[in-house]
Amino acid sequence: MKETPREITVQPLDDIPAGVLEAVAQGLDREFGLSSAMRESMPLPISAYNDDRRQYLSIMVIEELERLELEGLVLGIAREDIYAQGLNFIFGEADRERGIALISIARLMQEFYGGSPDPEKLAERAEKEAVHEVGHLLGVPHCKNPECVMRYSNTISHTDRKATCLCPQCKRKLTLMSIF
């Protein structure tokens, strides 16, 4: 029987608000029983920065996190905007093979859309994206239920519509995967 990890290392990249880190830790514990080992913040790798796009290439950040040789699952949290090849932006990405996920809070902030800062909304959105990406690390695929945290978010309104938790079907999938 395959054992589910009990801890995840959270690596802040640049200045991540404490409320975001707390919400992410609580969400990962609630949904997956993972306690979070918080590391000291480190800068994003400059090699991952694309001057033309003014964004960081997510896979290069994930590769840099892999070089740290951290134990178990790893979640990087970036303040700056990220993208993947072929996409304008992404909220996050998970590399199950490496056991590393990355989320960005850049587009989760109200300020990105011209609004006033809302620390509670930012924390909730970050929790959703962190749970989503770590769900992928644990083998849970995207869900068609628009309210499930495992639903793919293409816009911030998709993120806002989702709950902070897995739907019953995704919880069942996670349970089945941990048995085999």
Foldseek 3Di string as FASTA:
>chain_A
DAADDQEEEEEEAPDDDPLLVVLQQVLCCVAPNYHYDYDDYHHQDPVQADPVLRAGEQVVSQVVVLVVVDPAAYEYEYQTWYDYPPDSGAQKAADLVSNYIYGYLPQQAPVNVVDDGDSVSSSLLSLLVSVLRNLVNLPQAADPPLQASVHGDPHNVSSVNHHSHGDPVSSVVSVVSNVD
